[in-house]
């Protein structure tokens, strides 16, 4: 049975695709682990804030963006 020889262009395409997938999986795993452990700032756009008088209001979350 004869094996096909891959062209250099196709080898680079496979290597780039594999590298991109590996980096995306590693970054996604790290992000998931950090979020599950509660590390970092909240990603919600609004947050509750307490006024000096004791009332609560919704404010923008500066750390969201």
PDB file of N, CA and C in Angstrom:
ATOM      1  N   UNK A   1       0.837  -1.170   0.000  1.00  0.00           N
ATOM      2  CA  UNK A   1       0.000   0.000   0.000  1.00  0.00           C
ATOM      3  C   UNK A   1       0.888   1.241   0.000  1.00  0.00           C
ATOM      4  N   UNK A   2       0.657   2.094  -0.942  1.00  0.00           N
ATOM      5  CA  UNK A   2       1.469   3.300  -1.083  1.00  0.00           C
ATOM      6  C   UNK A   2       0.920   4.411  -0.183  1.00  0.00           C
ATOM      7  N   UNK A   3       1.832   5.138   0.450  1.00  0.00           N
ATOM      8  CA  UNK A   3       1.415   6.264   1.289  1.00  0.00           C
ATOM      9  C   UNK A   3       1.542   7.551   0.493  1.00  0.00           C
ATOM     10  N   UNK A   4       0.610   8.463   0.750  1.00  0.00           N
ATOM     11  CA  UNK A   4       0.644   9.748   0.053  1.00  0.00           C
ATOM     12  C   UNK A   4       1.591  10.690   0.773  1.00  0.00           C
ATOM     13  N   UNK A   5       2.344  11.425   0.002  1.00  0.00           N
ATOM     14  CA  UNK A   5       3.253  12.416   0.557  1.00  0.00           C
ATOM     15  C   UNK A   5       2.523  13.760   0.580  1.00  0.00           C
ATOM     16  N   UNK A   6       2.498  14.390   1.750  1.00  0.00           N
ATOM     17  CA  UNK A   6       1.829  15.675   1.877  1.00  0.00           C
ATOM     18  C   UNK A   6       2.744  16.787   1.370  1.00  0.00           C
ATOM     19  N   UNK A   7       2.144  17.740   0.714  1.00  0.00           N
ATOM     20  CA  UNK A   7       2.924  18.884   0.248  1.00  0.00           C
ATOM     21  C   UNK A   7       3.312  19.760   1.432  1.00  0.00           C
ATOM     22  N   UNK A   8       4.318  20.589   1.225  1.00  0.00           N
ATOM     23  CA  UNK A   8       4.780  21.475   2.280  1.00  0.00           C
ATOM     24  C   UNK A   8       3.684  22.453   2.698  1.00  0.00           C
ATOM     25  N   UNK A   9       2.900  22.920   1.738  1.00  0.00           N
ATOM     26  CA  UNK A   9       1.807  23.847   2.034  1.00  0.00           C
ATOM     27  C   UNK A   9       0.761  23.187   2.932  1.00  0.00           C
ATOM     28  N   UNK A  10       0.424  21.963   2.647  1.00  0.00           N
ATOM     29  CA  UNK A  10      -0.562  21.247   3.448  1.00  0.00           C
ATOM     30  C   UNK A  10      -0.031  20.942   4.847  1.00  0.00           C
ATOM     31  N   UNK A  11       1.265  20.637   4.952  1.00  0.00           N
ATOM     32  CA  UNK A  11       1.868  20.404   6.265  1.00  0.00           C
ATOM     33  C   UNK A  11       1.789  21.664   7.119  1.00  0.00           C
ATOM     34  N   UNK A  12       2.091  22.817   6.523  1.00  0.00           N
ATOM     35  CA  UNK A  12       1.991  24.074   7.250  1.00  0.00           C
ATOM     36  C   UNK A  12       0.554  24.369   7.659  1.00  0.00           C
ATOM     37  N   UNK A  13      -0.397  24.062   6.793  1.00  0.00           N
ATOM     38  CA  UNK A  13      -1.803  24.269   7.113  1.00  0.00           C
ATOM     39  C   UNK A  13      -2.225  23.395   8.295  1.00  0.00           C
ATOM     40  N   UNK A  14      -1.822  22.149   8.302  1.00  0.00           N
ATOM     41  CA  UNK A  14      -2.139  21.257   9.416  1.00  0.00           C
ATOM     42  C   UNK A  14      -1.476  21.747  10.706  1.00  0.00           C
ATOM     43  N   UNK A  15      -0.221  22.149  10.623  1.00  0.00           N
ATOM     44  CA  UNK A  15       0.500  22.621  11.804  1.00  0.00           C
ATOM     45  C   UNK A  15      -0.144  23.888  12.365  1.00  0.00           C
ATOM     46  N   UNK A  16      -0.532  24.816  11.510  1.00  0.00           N
ATOM     47  CA  UNK A  16      -1.164  26.058  11.961  1.00  0.00           C
ATOM     48  C   UNK A  16      -2.523  25.772  12.589  1.00  0.00           C
ATOM     49  N   UNK A  17      -3.294  24.891  11.977  1.00  0.00           N
ATOM     50  CA  UNK A  17      -4.600  24.536  12.512  1.00  0.00           C
ATOM     51  C   UNK A  17      -4.463  23.855  13.868  1.00  0.00           C
ATOM     52  N   UNK A  18      -3.561  22.914  13.964  1.00  0.00           N
ATOM     53  CA  UNK A  18      -3.347  22.202  15.222  1.00  0.00           C
ATOM     54  C   UNK A  18      -2.856  23.156  16.305  1.00  0.00           C
ATOM     55  N   UNK A  19      -1.951  24.051  15.962  1.00  0.00           N
ATOM     56  CA  UNK A  19      -1.448  25.026  16.937  1.00  0.00           C
ATOM     57  C   UNK A  19      -2.571  25.932  17.418  1.00  0.00           C
ATOM     58  N   UNK A  20      -3.405  26.395  16.512  1.00  0.00           N
ATOM     59  CA  UNK A  20      -4.523  27.258  16.888  1.00  0.00           C
ATOM     60  C   UNK A  20      -5.507  26.548  17.794  1.00  0.00           C
ATOM     61  N   UNK A  21      -5.806  25.303  17.500  1.00  0.00           N
ATOM     62  CA  UNK A  21      -6.742  24.526  18.316  1.00  0.00           C
ATOM     63  C   UNK A  21      -6.157  24.287  19.708  1.00  0.00           C
ATOM     64  N   UNK A  22      -4.877  23.952  19.784  1.00  0.00           N
ATOM     65  CA  UNK A  22      -4.245  23.697  21.080  1.00  0.00           C
ATOM     66  C   UNK A  22      -4.238  24.962  21.927  1.00  0.00           C
ATOM     67  N   UNK A  23      -3.886  26.100  21.340  1.00  0.00           N
ATOM     68  CA  UNK A  23      -3.870  27.364  22.079  1.00  0.00           C
ATOM     69  C   UNK A  23      -5.283  27.727  22.545  1.00  0.00           C
ATOM     70  N   UNK A  24      -6.281  27.559  21.691  1.00  0.00           N
ATOM     71  CA  UNK A  24      -7.660  27.879  22.060  1.00  0.00           C
ATOM     72  C   UNK A  24      -8.148  26.987  23.204  1.00  0.00           C
ATOM     73  N   UNK A  25      -7.817  25.709  23.174  1.00  0.00           N
ATOM     74  CA  UNK A  25      -8.235  24.788  24.233  1.00  0.00           C
ATOM     75  C   UNK A  25      -7.538  25.134  25.551  1.00  0.00           C
ATOM     76  N   UNK A  26      -6.251  25.439  25.494  1.00  0.00           N
ATOM     77  CA  UNK A  26      -5.532  25.798  26.712  1.00  0.00           C
ATOM     78  C   UNK A  26      -6.055  27.100  27.305  1.00  0.00           C
ATOM     79  N   UNK A  27      -6.277  28.115  26.477  1.00  0.00           N
ATOM     80  CA  UNK A  27      -6.792  29.395  26.971  1.00  0.00           C
ATOM     81  C   UNK A  27      -8.209  29.233  27.513  1.00  0.00           C
ATOM     82  N   UNK A  28      -9.028  28.453  26.834  1.00  0.00           N
ATOM     83  CA  UNK A  28     -10.385  28.203  27.308  1.00  0.00           C
ATOM     84  C   UNK A  28     -10.406  27.449  28.617  1.00  0.00           C
ATOM     85  N   UNK A  29      -9.519  26.489  28.775  1.00  0.00           N
ATOM     86  CA  UNK A  29      -9.442  25.733  30.027  1.00  0.00           C
ATOM     87  C   UNK A  29      -8.999  26.621  31.181  1.00  0.00           C
ATOM     88  N   UNK A  30      -8.010  27.474  30.926  1.00  0.00           N
ATOM     89  CA  UNK A  30      -7.542  28.391  31.964  1.00  0.00           C
ATOM     90  C   UNK A  30      -8.641  29.373  32.354  1.00  0.00           C
ATOM     91  N   UNK A  31      -9.332  29.921  31.368  1.00  0.00           N
ATOM     92  CA  UNK A  31     -10.431  30.860  31.640  1.00  0.00           C
ATOM     93  C   UNK A  31     -11.531  30.185  32.453  1.00  0.00           C
ATOM     94  N   UNK A  32     -11.894  28.980  32.081  1.00  0.00           N
ATOM     95  CA  UNK A  32     -12.932  28.235  32.803  1.00  0.00           C
ATOM     96  C   UNK A  32     -12.510  27.949  34.236  1.00  0.00           C
ATOM     97  N   UNK A  33     -11.273  27.520  34.428  1.00  0.00           N
ATOM     98  CA  UNK A  33     -10.788  27.217  35.776  1.00  0.00           C
ATOM     99  C   UNK A  33     -10.777  28.470  36.645  1.00  0.00           C
ATOM    100  N   UNK A  34     -10.347  29.590  36.090  1.00  0.00           N
ATOM    101  CA  UNK A  34     -10.308  30.826  36.871  1.00  0.00           C
ATOM    102  C   UNK A  34     -11.708  31.314  37.219  1.00  0.00           C
ATOM    103  N   UNK A  35     -12.647  31.204  36.276  1.00  0.00           N
ATOM    104  CA  UNK A  35     -14.021  31.630  36.563  1.00  0.00           C
ATOM    105  C   UNK A  35     -14.685  30.741  37.603  1.00  0.00           C
ATOM    106  N   UNK A  36     -14.467  29.437  37.511  1.00  0.00           N
ATOM    107  CA  UNK A  36     -15.068  28.513  38.477  1.00  0.00           C
ATOM    108  C   UNK A  36     -14.493  28.702  39.880  1.00  0.00           C
ATOM    109  N   UNK A  37     -13.235  29.113  39.961  1.00  0.00           N
ATOM    110  CA  UNK A  37     -12.625  29.329  41.274  1.00  0.00           C
ATOM    111  C   UNK A  37     -12.943  30.710  41.838  1.00  0.00           C
ATOM    112  N   UNK A  38     -13.620  31.562  41.047  1.00  0.00           N
ATOM    113  CA  UNK A  38     -14.019  32.874  41.534  1.00  0.00           C
ATOM    114  C   UNK A  38     -12.939  33.927  41.446  1.00  0.00           C
ATOM    115  N   UNK A  39     -11.893  33.681  40.691  1.00  0.00           N
ATOM    116  CA  UNK A  39     -10.795  34.625  40.572  1.00  0.00           C
ATOM    117  C   UNK A  39     -11.143  35.724  39.564  1.00  0.00           C
ATOM    118  N   UNK A  40     -10.729  36.941  39.838  1.00  0.00           N
ATOM    119  CA  UNK A  40     -10.931  38.042  38.904  1.00  0.00           C
ATOM    120  C   UNK A  40     -12.165  38.859  39.226  1.00  0.00           C
ATOM    121  N   UNK A  41     -12.512  39.731  38.303  1.00  0.00           N
ATOM    122  CA  UNK A  41     -13.646  40.626  38.466  1.00  0.00           C
ATOM    123  C   UNK A  41     -14.896  40.025  37.834  1.00  0.00           C
ATOM    124  N   UNK A  42     -16.035  40.536  38.233  1.00  0.00           N
ATOM    125  CA  UNK A  42     -17.307  40.086  37.677  1.00  0.00           C
ATOM    126  C   UNK A  42     -17.400  40.486  36.206  1.00  0.00           C
ATOM    127  N   UNK A  43     -17.979  39.647  35.403  1.00  0.00           N
ATOM    128  CA  UNK A  43     -18.124  39.950  33.980  1.00  0.00           C
ATOM    129  C   UNK A  43     -19.508  40.506  33.649  1.00  0.00           C
ATOM    130  N   UNK A  44     -20.336  40.747  34.659  1.00  0.00           N
ATOM    131  CA  UNK A  44     -21.656  41.322  34.446  1.00  0.00           C
ATOM    132  C   UNK A  44     -21.530  42.821  34.188  1.00  0.00           C
ATOM    133  N   UNK A  45     -22.375  43.354  33.314  1.00  0.00           N
ATOM    134  CA  UNK A  45     -22.276  44.767  32.963  1.00  0.00           C
ATOM    135  C   UNK A  45     -22.746  45.666  34.103  1.00  0.00           C
ATOM    136  N   UNK A  46     -23.754  45.245  34.854  1.00  0.00           N
ATOM    137  CA  UNK A  46     -24.254  46.032  35.975  1.00  0.00           C
ATOM    138  C   UNK A  46     -23.890  45.356  37.298  1.00  0.00           C
ATOM    139  N   UNK A  47     -23.745  46.176  38.346  1.00  0.00           N
ATOM    140  CA  UNK A  47     -23.472  45.653  39.687  1.00  0.00           C
ATOM    141  C   UNK A  47     -24.289  46.447  40.693  1.00  0.00           C
ATOM    142  N   UNK A  48     -24.584  45.849  41.814  1.00  0.00           N
ATOM    143  CA  UNK A  48     -25.308  46.549  42.874  1.00  0.00           C
ATOM    144  C   UNK A  48     -24.317  47.374  43.687  1.00  0.00           C
ATOM    145  N   UNK A  49     -24.714  48.600  43.999  1.00  0.00           N
ATOM    146  CA  UNK A  49     -23.900  49.468  44.844  1.00  0.00           C
ATOM    147  C   UNK A  49     -24.770  49.979  45.986  1.00  0.00           C
ATOM    148  N   UNK A  50     -24.172  50.141  47.141  1.00  0.00           N
ATOM    149  CA  UNK A  50     -24.898  50.629  48.311  1.00  0.00           C
ATOM    150  C   UNK A  50     -24.607  52.113  48.488  1.00  0.00           C
ATOM    151  N   UNK A  51     -25.664  52.895  48.616  1.00  0.00           N
ATOM    152  CA  UNK A  51     -25.538  54.334  48.844  1.00  0.00           C
ATOM    153  C   UNK A  51     -25.215  54.605  50.306  1.00  0.00           C
ATOM    154  N   UNK A  52     -24.671  55.790  50.607  1.00  0.00           N
ATOM    155  CA  UNK A  52     -24.370  56.109  52.011  1.00  0.00           C
ATOM    156  C   UNK A  52     -25.596  56.039  52.926  1.00  0.00           C
ATOM    157  N   UNK A  53     -26.777  56.306  52.385  1.00  0.00           N
ATOM    158  CA  UNK A  53     -27.991  56.240  53.195  1.00  0.00           C
ATOM    159  C   UNK A  53     -28.505  54.829  53.417  1.00  0.00           C
ATOM    160  N   UNK A  54     -27.913  53.848  52.805  1.00  0.00           N
ATOM    161  CA  UNK A  54     -28.321  52.460  52.993  1.00  0.00           C
ATOM    162  C   UNK A  54     -29.090  51.877  51.818  1.00  0.00           C
ATOM    163  N   UNK A  55     -29.520  52.725  50.872  1.00  0.00           N
ATOM    164  CA  UNK A  55     -30.243  52.214  49.707  1.00  0.00           C
ATOM    165  C   UNK A  55     -29.310  51.549  48.707  1.00  0.00           C
ATOM    166  N   UNK A  56     -29.883  50.762  47.815  1.00  0.00           N
ATOM    167  CA  UNK A  56     -29.079  50.088  46.808  1.00  0.00           C
ATOM    168  C   UNK A  56     -29.494  50.553  45.422  1.00  0.00           C
ATOM    169  N   UNK A  57     -28.529  50.707  44.550  1.00  0.00           N
ATOM    170  CA  UNK A  57     -28.764  51.098  43.162  1.00  0.00           C
ATOM    171  C   UNK A  57     -27.941  50.193  42.251  1.00  0.00           C
ATOM    172  N   UNK A  58     -28.338  50.143  40.982  1.00  0.00           N
ATOM    173  CA  UNK A  58     -27.569  49.423  39.969  1.00  0.00           C
ATOM    174  C   UNK A  58     -26.615  50.404  39.313  1.00  0.00           C
ATOM    175  N   UNK A  59     -25.347  50.044  39.224  1.00  0.00           N
ATOM    176  CA  UNK A  59     -24.338  50.886  38.599  1.00  0.00           C
ATOM    177  C   UNK A  59     -23.633  50.092  37.521  1.00  0.00           C
ATOM    178  N   UNK A  60     -22.937  50.809  36.643  1.00  0.00           N
ATOM    179  CA  UNK A  60     -22.143  50.124  35.628  1.00  0.00           C
ATOM    180  C   UNK A  60     -20.918  49.483  36.282  1.00  0.00           C
ATOM    181  N   UNK A  61     -20.467  48.434  35.690  1.00  0.00           N
ATOM    182  CA  UNK A  61     -19.284  47.735  36.198  1.00  0.00           C
ATOM    183  C   UNK A  61     -18.079  48.165  35.368  1.00  0.00           C
ATOM    184  N   UNK A  62     -17.210  48.968  35.939  1.00  0.00           N
ATOM    185  CA  UNK A  62     -16.047  49.472  35.210  1.00  0.00           C
ATOM    186  C   UNK A  62     -15.111  48.358  34.790  1.00  0.00           C
ATOM    187  N   UNK A  63     -15.089  47.270  35.511  1.00  0.00           N
ATOM    188  CA  UNK A  63     -14.151  46.182  35.208  1.00  0.00           C
ATOM    189  C   UNK A  63     -14.687  45.226  34.144  1.00  0.00           C
ATOM    190  N   UNK A  64     -15.904  45.439  33.700  1.00  0.00           N
ATOM    191  CA  UNK A  64     -16.510  44.565  32.690  1.00  0.00           C
ATOM    192  C   UNK A  64     -15.852  44.752  31.328  1.00  0.00           C
ATOM    193  N   UNK A  65     -15.637  45.993  30.960  1.00  0.00           N
ATOM    194  CA  UNK A  65     -15.026  46.268  29.657  1.00  0.00           C
ATOM    195  C   UNK A  65     -13.575  46.516  29.845  1.00  0.00           C
TER     196      UNK A  65
END
